[in-house]
């Protein structure tokens, strides 16, 4: 059973930065998986904001392109999300998971709350 543990969220002012981490335990397939960061704002559906392939290719939602950077460390089974120039509309609970088409491979973790507010 894979366990995902997200961390690094918090309260930040507009224009600020945060770095999120997600550690996956129990999976021998992490290094082969496309990993994604998702977010869910209150009253909205969860959306994929960034993804990284096993080879390091990345894709971003238009709303975060140029501001967020996804990376991974396969030796540590960990994926990161560097978030810069944060905006109030980035406020959400952020989750990671292995991307599998329009769905995900593993159970969701608890997520980490990001709040952008002055």
Protein backbone atom coordinates (compact mmCIF):
# COMPACT_ATOMS: atom_id res chain seq x y z
CA UNK A 1 0.00 0.00 0.00
CA UNK A 2 1.47 3.32 -1.08
CA UNK A 3 1.41 6.18 1.40
CA UNK A 4 1.77 9.79 0.24
CA UNK A 5 2.81 12.48 2.69
CA UNK A 6 2.71 16.09 1.55
CA UNK A 7 4.38 18.91 3.47
CA UNK A 8 5.63 22.47 3.13
CA UNK A 9 2.39 24.40 2.96
CA UNK A 10 1.57 27.47 4.97
CA UNK A 11 0.42 31.08 4.95
CA UNK A 12 2.28 33.38 2.60
CA UNK A 13 1.74 36.89 1.29
CA UNK A 14 1.00 37.53 -2.38
CA UNK A 15 4.23 37.46 -4.35
CA UNK A 16 5.84 35.07 -1.90
CA UNK A 17 7.22 31.56 -2.39
CA UNK A 18 6.78 28.10 -0.95
CA UNK A 19 8.33 24.73 -1.65
CA UNK A 20 6.14 21.68 -1.26
CA UNK A 21 7.41 18.14 -0.80
CA UNK A 22 5.67 14.80 -1.27
CA UNK A 23 7.22 11.58 -0.06
CA UNK A 24 5.90 8.25 -1.34
CA UNK A 25 6.48 5.10 0.67
CA UNK A 26 5.59 1.55 -0.17
CA UNK A 27 5.93 1.82 -3.94
CA UNK A 28 8.65 0.21 -5.98
CA UNK A 29 7.26 1.89 -9.07
CA UNK A 30 7.78 5.53 -8.05
CA UNK A 31 10.71 6.10 -10.38
CA UNK A 32 8.69 4.78 -13.34
CA UNK A 33 5.56 6.80 -12.58
CA UNK A 34 4.46 10.13 -13.92
CA UNK A 35 4.03 12.20 -10.77
CA UNK A 36 1.69 15.14 -10.47
CA UNK A 37 0.77 17.92 -8.10
CA UNK A 38 -2.91 18.61 -7.76
CA UNK A 39 -4.82 21.25 -5.86
CA UNK A 40 -8.36 21.68 -4.61
CA UNK A 41 -9.73 25.05 -3.65
CA UNK A 42 -12.90 25.37 -1.55
CA UNK A 43 -15.97 24.61 -3.60
CA UNK A 44 -13.94 23.56 -6.63
CA UNK A 45 -12.87 20.28 -8.17
CA UNK A 46 -9.37 18.98 -7.73
CA UNK A 47 -7.17 19.97 -10.65
CA UNK A 48 -3.78 18.87 -11.93
CA UNK A 49 -1.35 21.80 -11.92
CA UNK A 50 2.00 20.18 -12.72
CA UNK A 51 3.34 16.81 -13.82
CA UNK A 52 6.76 15.28 -14.32
CA UNK A 53 7.60 12.11 -16.21
CA UNK A 54 10.06 9.47 -15.13
CA UNK A 55 12.55 11.06 -17.50
CA UNK A 56 12.05 14.57 -16.15
CA UNK A 57 9.77 16.08 -18.79
CA UNK A 58 7.35 18.54 -17.26
CA UNK A 59 3.94 19.99 -18.00
CA UNK A 60 2.05 22.77 -16.28
CA UNK A 61 -1.44 24.18 -16.18
CA UNK A 62 -1.63 27.57 -17.84
CA UNK A 63 -2.54 29.16 -14.52
CA UNK A 64 0.83 28.28 -12.96
CA UNK A 65 3.14 28.21 -15.98
CA UNK A 66 6.21 30.32 -15.40
CA UNK A 67 5.63 30.48 -11.64
CA UNK A 68 5.69 26.85 -10.47
CA UNK A 69 8.43 24.27 -11.00
CA UNK A 70 7.99 20.55 -10.42
CA UNK A 71 10.98 18.29 -9.77
CA UNK A 72 11.65 14.82 -8.41
CA UNK A 73 14.29 12.83 -6.56
CA UNK A 74 13.77 9.17 -7.40
CA UNK A 75 16.37 8.06 -4.88
CA UNK A 76 14.20 9.57 -2.15
CA UNK A 77 10.81 8.72 -3.73
CA UNK A 78 10.01 12.40 -3.41
CA UNK A 79 8.48 14.99 -5.70
CA UNK A 80 8.69 18.75 -5.13
CA UNK A 81 6.77 21.82 -6.19
CA UNK A 82 8.54 25.17 -6.06
CA UNK A 83 5.92 27.89 -6.10
CA UNK A 84 6.95 31.47 -6.78
CA UNK A 85 5.02 34.71 -7.26
CA UNK A 86 2.08 33.23 -5.41
CA UNK A 87 -1.36 34.70 -5.92
CA UNK A 88 -4.50 34.56 -3.75
CA UNK A 89 -6.08 32.28 -6.34
CA UNK A 90 -3.36 29.70 -5.61
CA UNK A 91 -4.96 29.15 -2.21
CA UNK A 92 -5.91 25.47 -1.99
CA UNK A 93 -5.01 22.13 -0.48
CA UNK A 94 -2.20 20.65 -2.53
CA UNK A 95 -1.81 16.92 -3.14
CA UNK A 96 0.55 14.71 -5.09
CA UNK A 97 -0.17 11.41 -6.80
CA UNK A 98 0.92 9.23 -9.67
CA UNK A 99 -0.84 10.35 -12.83
CA UNK A 100 -2.58 7.68 -14.85
CA UNK A 101 -4.49 9.25 -17.70
CA UNK A 102 -7.44 11.10 -16.26
CA UNK A 103 -7.12 9.36 -12.92
CA UNK A 104 -4.47 8.50 -10.31
CA UNK A 105 -2.79 5.32 -9.24
CA UNK A 106 -2.74 5.62 -5.45
CA UNK A 107 -4.90 6.68 -2.54
CA UNK A 108 -4.71 10.36 -1.74
CA UNK A 109 -2.66 11.67 1.14
CA UNK A 110 -3.80 14.31 3.57
CA UNK A 111 -2.55 17.16 1.43
CA UNK A 112 -0.92 20.38 2.56
CA UNK A 113 -2.76 23.69 2.88
CA UNK A 114 -1.43 26.70 1.00
CA UNK A 115 -3.00 30.04 1.83
CA UNK A 116 -1.98 33.18 -0.04
CA UNK A 117 -3.25 36.26 1.72
CA UNK A 118 -2.10 39.64 2.94
